[in-house]
Amino acid sequence: MVNNQQQSAVAQKANCTDLHNQQDLRVRCSYGINGALLRHQVDLETWTAHYTGSGPDSKQQALADKEFFASRERSPKPVVLGLDKADHAVRYALDAGLIDAGWIEGLEVKDPSPDLRKALQGVSLIIYAGGVSYLSS
């Protein structure tokens, strides 16, 4: 016999394992690496070879990356939203197609914009990487 607590845990696990049918928010999304990993099939060797000798800030690199990742898309792929205070990083991730939408906001000093708040309503998974400034008591 399964009790309510066990049923809840099973339901939560089922929701968390279906990563391709959910909307994810990447806090501190930077250049979209987490979105790239989740949305594309690429091994580290291929990825490293692609970036050898290149710089991530150029418009040409974003276009090359868009082409590189487009040929490696998973199907279905999750909707990935990005949040970072570094505008060049968010813009690159958008241009390269590594995130579906992005917000350039610093939540350390300001509440989320109305647009971000609206987007958060559909988020089922939040991945936080690259900093601790959002964490407080």
N, C-alpha and C. Protein backbone atom coordinates (compact mmCIF):
# COMPACT_ATOMS: atom_id res chain seq x y z
N MET A 1 0.84 -1.19 0.00
CA MET A 1 0.00 0.00 0.00
C MET A 1 0.88 1.24 0.00
N VAL A 2 0.58 2.19 -0.83
CA VAL A 2 1.35 3.42 -0.95
C VAL A 2 0.62 4.53 -0.20
N ASN A 3 1.34 5.22 0.69
CA ASN A 3 0.70 6.31 1.43
C ASN A 3 0.76 7.61 0.64
N ASN A 4 0.09 8.64 1.15
CA ASN A 4 0.02 9.93 0.44
C ASN A 4 1.39 10.55 0.24
N GLN A 5 2.28 10.43 1.24
CA GLN A 5 3.62 11.01 1.12
C GLN A 5 4.39 10.32 0.00
N GLN A 6 4.27 9.00 -0.10
CA GLN A 6 4.96 8.28 -1.17
C GLN A 6 4.38 8.65 -2.53
N GLN A 7 3.06 8.78 -2.61
CA GLN A 7 2.43 9.18 -3.87
C GLN A 7 2.91 10.55 -4.31
N SER A 8 3.03 11.46 -3.36
CA SER A 8 3.50 12.81 -3.67
C SER A 8 4.93 12.77 -4.19
N ALA A 9 5.79 11.99 -3.55
CA ALA A 9 7.19 11.88 -3.98
C ALA A 9 7.27 11.29 -5.38
N VAL A 10 6.45 10.28 -5.67
CA VAL A 10 6.44 9.68 -7.00
C VAL A 10 5.98 10.70 -8.04
N ALA A 11 4.95 11.46 -7.73
CA ALA A 11 4.46 12.48 -8.66
C ALA A 11 5.51 13.55 -8.90
N GLN A 12 6.20 13.98 -7.84
CA GLN A 12 7.24 14.99 -7.99
C GLN A 12 8.38 14.46 -8.84
N LYS A 13 8.77 13.20 -8.63
CA LYS A 13 9.85 12.61 -9.43
C LYS A 13 9.44 12.55 -10.90
N ALA A 14 8.22 12.15 -11.18
CA ALA A 14 7.75 12.08 -12.56
C ALA A 14 7.80 13.45 -13.21
N ASN A 15 7.42 14.49 -12.48
CA ASN A 15 7.45 15.85 -13.03
C ASN A 15 8.87 16.31 -13.30
N CYS A 16 9.80 15.95 -12.44
CA CYS A 16 11.19 16.41 -12.59
C CYS A 16 11.95 15.64 -13.66
N THR A 17 11.54 14.40 -13.96
CA THR A 17 12.28 13.62 -14.94
C THR A 17 11.85 13.92 -16.37
N ASP A 18 10.74 14.59 -16.57
CA ASP A 18 10.27 14.92 -17.90
C ASP A 18 10.82 16.29 -18.30
N LEU A 19 12.13 16.38 -18.44
CA LEU A 19 12.80 17.66 -18.68
C LEU A 19 12.49 18.26 -20.04
N HIS A 20 12.05 17.46 -20.98
CA HIS A 20 11.84 17.97 -22.33
C HIS A 20 10.46 18.55 -22.55
N ASN A 21 9.58 18.42 -21.58
CA ASN A 21 8.22 18.96 -21.73
C ASN A 21 7.92 19.98 -20.65
N GLN A 22 8.89 20.77 -20.32
CA GLN A 22 8.67 21.78 -19.29
C GLN A 22 9.36 23.08 -19.67
N GLN A 23 9.09 24.09 -18.89
CA GLN A 23 9.71 25.40 -19.08
C GLN A 23 10.69 25.62 -17.94
N ASP A 24 11.93 25.89 -18.28
CA ASP A 24 13.00 26.03 -17.30
C ASP A 24 13.52 27.46 -17.27
N LEU A 25 13.90 27.90 -16.08
CA LEU A 25 14.54 29.20 -15.91
C LEU A 25 15.98 28.97 -15.50
N ARG A 26 16.91 29.56 -16.20
CA ARG A 26 18.33 29.51 -15.87
C ARG A 26 18.69 30.84 -15.23
N VAL A 27 18.92 30.82 -13.93
CA VAL A 27 19.36 32.02 -13.22
C VAL A 27 20.87 32.09 -13.38
N ARG A 28 21.38 33.28 -13.69
CA ARG A 28 22.79 33.45 -14.05
C ARG A 28 23.09 32.63 -15.30
N CYS A 29 22.28 32.82 -16.33
CA CYS A 29 22.36 32.00 -17.54
C CYS A 29 23.64 32.21 -18.32
N SER A 30 24.32 33.34 -18.10
CA SER A 30 25.56 33.65 -18.79
C SER A 30 25.36 33.50 -20.30
N TYR A 31 26.22 32.73 -20.94
CA TYR A 31 26.15 32.58 -22.39
C TYR A 31 25.25 31.43 -22.83
N GLY A 32 24.48 30.87 -21.92
CA GLY A 32 23.51 29.84 -22.27
C GLY A 32 24.01 28.42 -22.23
N ILE A 33 25.11 28.16 -21.52
CA ILE A 33 25.69 26.82 -21.53
C ILE A 33 24.73 25.76 -20.98
N ASN A 34 24.01 26.07 -19.91
CA ASN A 34 23.07 25.08 -19.37
C ASN A 34 21.94 24.80 -20.35
N GLY A 35 21.45 25.82 -21.00
CA GLY A 35 20.42 25.62 -22.02
C GLY A 35 20.95 24.79 -23.18
N ALA A 36 22.19 25.05 -23.57
CA ALA A 36 22.80 24.28 -24.65
C ALA A 36 22.91 22.81 -24.28
N LEU A 37 23.31 22.53 -23.05
CA LEU A 37 23.46 21.14 -22.61
C LEU A 37 22.12 20.42 -22.57
N LEU A 38 21.10 21.08 -22.11
CA LEU A 38 19.80 20.45 -21.97
C LEU A 38 19.09 20.27 -23.31
N ARG A 39 19.29 21.20 -24.21
CA ARG A 39 18.53 21.22 -25.47
C ARG A 39 19.21 20.53 -26.64
N HIS A 40 20.49 20.16 -26.49
CA HIS A 40 21.24 19.64 -27.63
C HIS A 40 22.01 18.38 -27.29
N GLN A 41 22.25 17.57 -28.31
CA GLN A 41 23.07 16.37 -28.17
C GLN A 41 24.46 16.69 -28.69
N VAL A 42 25.37 16.88 -27.77
CA VAL A 42 26.75 17.19 -28.16
C VAL A 42 27.68 16.70 -27.06
N ASP A 43 28.77 16.06 -27.46
CA ASP A 43 29.73 15.60 -26.46
C ASP A 43 30.79 16.67 -26.24
N LEU A 44 31.52 16.54 -25.16
CA LEU A 44 32.50 17.56 -24.77
C LEU A 44 33.60 17.72 -25.81
N GLU A 45 34.04 16.65 -26.42
CA GLU A 45 35.11 16.73 -27.42
C GLU A 45 34.67 17.55 -28.64
N THR A 46 33.47 17.31 -29.13
CA THR A 46 32.94 18.06 -30.28
C THR A 46 32.75 19.52 -29.92
N TRP A 47 32.23 19.77 -28.73
CA TRP A 47 31.99 21.12 -28.27
C TRP A 47 33.31 21.88 -28.14
N THR A 48 34.30 21.26 -27.54
CA THR A 48 35.61 21.89 -27.37
C THR A 48 36.24 22.21 -28.73
N ALA A 49 36.15 21.28 -29.66
CA ALA A 49 36.71 21.50 -30.99
C ALA A 49 36.03 22.68 -31.68
N HIS A 50 34.74 22.82 -31.48
CA HIS A 50 34.00 23.93 -32.09
C HIS A 50 34.50 25.28 -31.59
N TYR A 51 34.85 25.36 -30.31
CA TYR A 51 35.25 26.64 -29.73
C TYR A 51 36.75 26.92 -29.74
N THR A 52 37.55 25.99 -30.17
CA THR A 52 38.99 26.20 -30.18
C THR A 52 39.33 27.38 -31.08
N GLY A 53 39.99 28.39 -30.50
CA GLY A 53 40.43 29.56 -31.25
C GLY A 53 39.36 30.60 -31.51
N SER A 54 38.22 30.51 -30.83
CA SER A 54 37.16 31.49 -31.08
C SER A 54 36.84 32.26 -29.81
N GLY A 55 36.18 33.41 -29.99
CA GLY A 55 35.76 34.23 -28.86
C GLY A 55 34.25 34.31 -28.80
N PRO A 56 33.65 34.24 -27.62
CA PRO A 56 32.20 34.17 -27.51
C PRO A 56 31.45 35.48 -27.71
N ASP A 57 32.14 36.61 -27.85
CA ASP A 57 31.44 37.89 -27.92
C ASP A 57 31.11 38.36 -29.34
N SER A 58 31.66 37.72 -30.34
CA SER A 58 31.46 38.22 -31.69
C SER A 58 30.12 37.79 -32.26
N LYS A 59 29.56 38.63 -33.10
CA LYS A 59 28.30 38.32 -33.78
C LYS A 59 28.48 37.09 -34.68
N GLN A 60 29.65 36.99 -35.31
CA GLN A 60 29.93 35.84 -36.16
C GLN A 60 29.93 34.54 -35.35
N GLN A 61 30.44 34.61 -34.13
CA GLN A 61 30.47 33.42 -33.29
C GLN A 61 29.05 32.99 -32.93
N ALA A 62 28.19 33.94 -32.63
CA ALA A 62 26.80 33.61 -32.30
C ALA A 62 26.11 32.94 -33.49
N LEU A 63 26.37 33.44 -34.69
CA LEU A 63 25.78 32.83 -35.89
C LEU A 63 26.33 31.43 -36.12
N ALA A 64 27.65 31.26 -35.94
CA ALA A 64 28.26 29.94 -36.08
C ALA A 64 27.71 28.98 -35.04
N ASP A 65 27.51 29.48 -33.83
CA ASP A 65 26.97 28.63 -32.77
C ASP A 65 25.52 28.24 -33.05
N LYS A 66 24.75 29.16 -33.58
CA LYS A 66 23.36 28.86 -33.92
C LYS A 66 23.30 27.71 -34.92
N GLU A 67 24.16 27.77 -35.92
CA GLU A 67 24.24 26.70 -36.92
C GLU A 67 24.74 25.39 -36.30
N PHE A 68 25.78 25.48 -35.48
CA PHE A 68 26.36 24.32 -34.82
C PHE A 68 25.31 23.60 -33.97
N PHE A 69 24.60 24.34 -33.15
CA PHE A 69 23.63 23.72 -32.25
C PHE A 69 22.34 23.30 -32.96
N ALA A 70 21.96 24.01 -34.02
CA ALA A 70 20.73 23.67 -34.74
C ALA A 70 20.79 22.24 -35.29
N SER A 71 21.96 21.81 -35.69
CA SER A 71 22.09 20.46 -36.23
C SER A 71 22.15 19.39 -35.14
N ARG A 72 22.11 19.80 -33.88
CA ARG A 72 22.23 18.87 -32.76
C ARG A 72 21.05 18.96 -31.78
N GLU A 73 19.96 19.55 -32.21
CA GLU A 73 18.82 19.75 -31.31
C GLU A 73 18.18 18.42 -30.92
N ARG A 74 17.79 18.35 -29.65
CA ARG A 74 17.00 17.23 -29.15
C ARG A 74 15.54 17.49 -29.53
N SER A 75 14.79 16.41 -29.65
CA SER A 75 13.38 16.57 -29.94
C SER A 75 12.60 15.64 -29.02
N PRO A 76 11.65 16.12 -28.29
CA PRO A 76 11.31 17.54 -28.14
C PRO A 76 12.33 18.22 -27.23
N LYS A 77 12.37 19.51 -27.29
CA LYS A 77 13.31 20.26 -26.44
C LYS A 77 12.53 21.15 -25.49
N PRO A 78 13.07 21.37 -24.30
CA PRO A 78 12.37 22.22 -23.34
C PRO A 78 12.45 23.69 -23.73
N VAL A 79 11.53 24.46 -23.22
CA VAL A 79 11.59 25.91 -23.35
C VAL A 79 12.55 26.39 -22.27
N VAL A 80 13.58 27.13 -22.66
CA VAL A 80 14.58 27.60 -21.71
C VAL A 80 14.56 29.12 -21.66
N LEU A 81 14.37 29.64 -20.47
CA LEU A 81 14.39 31.08 -20.23
C LEU A 81 15.69 31.42 -19.53
N GLY A 82 16.27 32.56 -19.84
CA GLY A 82 17.52 32.96 -19.21
C GLY A 82 17.39 34.26 -18.44
N LEU A 83 18.11 34.33 -17.35
CA LEU A 83 18.14 35.53 -16.51
C LEU A 83 19.58 35.79 -16.10
N ASP A 84 20.06 36.98 -16.38
CA ASP A 84 21.41 37.37 -15.99
C ASP A 84 21.48 38.90 -16.02
N LYS A 85 22.38 39.46 -15.27
CA LYS A 85 22.53 40.92 -15.33
C LYS A 85 23.53 41.35 -16.39
N ALA A 86 24.21 40.41 -17.02
CA ALA A 86 25.17 40.71 -18.08
C ALA A 86 24.46 40.72 -19.43
N ASP A 87 24.19 41.92 -19.94
CA ASP A 87 23.40 42.01 -21.17
C ASP A 87 24.05 41.33 -22.36
N HIS A 88 25.38 41.44 -22.51
CA HIS A 88 26.05 40.82 -23.66
C HIS A 88 25.90 39.29 -23.62
N ALA A 89 25.91 38.71 -22.45
CA ALA A 89 25.78 37.26 -22.32
C ALA A 89 24.36 36.80 -22.69
N VAL A 90 23.36 37.50 -22.20
CA VAL A 90 21.98 37.14 -22.51
C VAL A 90 21.71 37.33 -24.00
N ARG A 91 22.20 38.43 -24.56
CA ARG A 91 21.99 38.68 -25.99
C ARG A 91 22.67 37.61 -26.85
N TYR A 92 23.86 37.19 -26.45
CA TYR A 92 24.56 36.12 -27.16
C TYR A 92 23.73 34.83 -27.10
N ALA A 93 23.26 34.45 -25.90
CA ALA A 93 22.49 33.22 -25.74
C ALA A 93 21.23 33.26 -26.60
N LEU A 94 20.59 34.42 -26.69
CA LEU A 94 19.42 34.58 -27.55
C LEU A 94 19.80 34.47 -29.02
N ASP A 95 20.85 35.18 -29.43
CA ASP A 95 21.29 35.17 -30.83
C ASP A 95 21.71 33.77 -31.29
N ALA A 96 22.33 33.01 -30.39
CA ALA A 96 22.79 31.66 -30.72
C ALA A 96 21.67 30.63 -30.63
N GLY A 97 20.51 31.03 -30.13
CA GLY A 97 19.39 30.11 -30.02
C GLY A 97 19.50 29.15 -28.85
N LEU A 98 20.28 29.52 -27.84
CA LEU A 98 20.47 28.63 -26.69
C LEU A 98 19.40 28.83 -25.61
N ILE A 99 18.71 29.97 -25.66
CA ILE A 99 17.57 30.22 -24.78
C ILE A 99 16.44 30.77 -25.64
N ASP A 100 15.22 30.58 -25.18
CA ASP A 100 14.05 31.04 -25.93
C ASP A 100 13.69 32.48 -25.63
N ALA A 101 13.96 32.91 -24.41
CA ALA A 101 13.69 34.29 -23.99
C ALA A 101 14.68 34.61 -22.89
N GLY A 102 15.01 35.89 -22.75
CA GLY A 102 15.97 36.27 -21.73
C GLY A 102 15.66 37.61 -21.11
N TRP A 103 16.07 37.76 -19.87
CA TRP A 103 15.87 39.00 -19.12
C TRP A 103 17.21 39.45 -18.58
N ILE A 104 17.49 40.73 -18.74
CA ILE A 104 18.71 41.34 -18.22
C ILE A 104 18.30 42.11 -16.98
N GLU A 105 18.38 41.44 -15.84
CA GLU A 105 17.94 42.04 -14.59
C GLU A 105 18.86 41.60 -13.46
N GLY A 106 19.09 42.49 -12.53
CA GLY A 106 19.87 42.19 -11.34
C GLY A 106 18.96 42.07 -10.14
N LEU A 107 18.56 40.87 -9.81
CA LEU A 107 17.61 40.68 -8.71
C LEU A 107 18.22 40.92 -7.34
N GLU A 108 19.53 41.14 -7.31
CA GLU A 108 20.18 41.47 -6.03
C GLU A 108 19.74 42.85 -5.54
N VAL A 109 19.40 43.73 -6.48
CA VAL A 109 19.10 45.12 -6.13
C VAL A 109 17.69 45.57 -6.50
N LYS A 110 16.97 44.75 -7.25
CA LYS A 110 15.67 45.18 -7.75
C LYS A 110 14.74 43.98 -7.90
N ASP A 111 13.47 44.18 -7.63
CA ASP A 111 12.48 43.12 -7.83
C ASP A 111 12.34 42.80 -9.31
N PRO A 112 11.86 41.60 -9.64
CA PRO A 112 11.68 41.24 -11.05
C PRO A 112 10.71 42.18 -11.76
N SER A 113 10.97 42.41 -13.03
CA SER A 113 10.07 43.23 -13.85
C SER A 113 8.74 42.50 -14.02
N PRO A 114 7.69 43.25 -14.38
CA PRO A 114 6.39 42.60 -14.62
C PRO A 114 6.47 41.50 -15.68
N ASP A 115 7.27 41.72 -16.73
CA ASP A 115 7.41 40.73 -17.79
C ASP A 115 8.06 39.44 -17.26
N LEU A 116 9.10 39.58 -16.45
CA LEU A 116 9.75 38.41 -15.86
C LEU A 116 8.80 37.70 -14.90
N ARG A 117 8.10 38.44 -14.09
CA ARG A 117 7.14 37.83 -13.16
C ARG A 117 6.11 36.99 -13.92
N LYS A 118 5.63 37.52 -15.02
CA LYS A 118 4.64 36.79 -15.82
C LYS A 118 5.25 35.50 -16.36
N ALA A 119 6.47 35.56 -16.86
CA ALA A 119 7.14 34.38 -17.40
C ALA A 119 7.38 33.33 -16.33
N LEU A 120 7.65 33.77 -15.11
CA LEU A 120 7.93 32.84 -14.02
C LEU A 120 6.73 31.96 -13.67
N GLN A 121 5.55 32.40 -14.00
CA GLN A 121 4.35 31.62 -13.69
C GLN A 121 4.34 30.26 -14.37
N GLY A 122 4.98 30.15 -15.52
CA GLY A 122 5.00 28.88 -16.24
C GLY A 122 6.24 28.05 -16.02
N VAL A 123 7.14 28.50 -15.16
CA VAL A 123 8.40 27.80 -14.94
C VAL A 123 8.20 26.60 -14.02
N SER A 124 8.72 25.45 -14.43
CA SER A 124 8.60 24.25 -13.60
C SER A 124 9.94 23.81 -13.02
N LEU A 125 11.04 24.38 -13.49
CA LEU A 125 12.36 24.02 -12.97
C LEU A 125 13.24 25.26 -13.01
N ILE A 126 13.93 25.54 -11.91
CA ILE A 126 14.87 26.65 -11.86
C ILE A 126 16.26 26.07 -11.64
N ILE A 127 17.18 26.43 -12.51
CA ILE A 127 18.57 26.00 -12.36
C ILE A 127 19.40 27.24 -12.11
N TYR A 128 20.15 27.20 -11.03
CA TYR A 128 20.97 28.34 -10.60
C TYR A 128 22.42 27.91 -10.65
N ALA A 129 23.23 28.67 -11.36
CA ALA A 129 24.65 28.33 -11.45
C ALA A 129 25.47 29.61 -11.55
N GLY A 130 26.63 29.60 -10.94
CA GLY A 130 27.57 30.67 -11.17
C GLY A 130 27.60 31.82 -10.20
N GLY A 131 26.99 31.73 -9.06
CA GLY A 131 27.05 32.83 -8.11
C GLY A 131 26.23 32.56 -6.87
N VAL A 132 26.46 33.37 -5.87
CA VAL A 132 25.70 33.22 -4.63
C VAL A 132 25.02 34.51 -4.20
N SER A 133 25.10 35.55 -5.00
CA SER A 133 24.60 36.86 -4.58
C SER A 133 23.08 36.90 -4.42
N TYR A 134 22.34 35.99 -5.04
CA TYR A 134 20.89 35.98 -4.89
C TYR A 134 20.47 35.31 -3.58
N LEU A 135 21.37 34.58 -2.97
CA LEU A 135 21.04 33.83 -1.77
C LEU A 135 21.22 34.71 -0.54
N SER A 136 20.19 34.78 0.26
CA SER A 136 20.28 35.57 1.48
C SER A 136 19.35 34.98 2.52
N SER A 137 19.43 35.52 3.73
CA SER A 137 18.58 34.98 4.80
C SER A 137 17.17 35.52 4.74
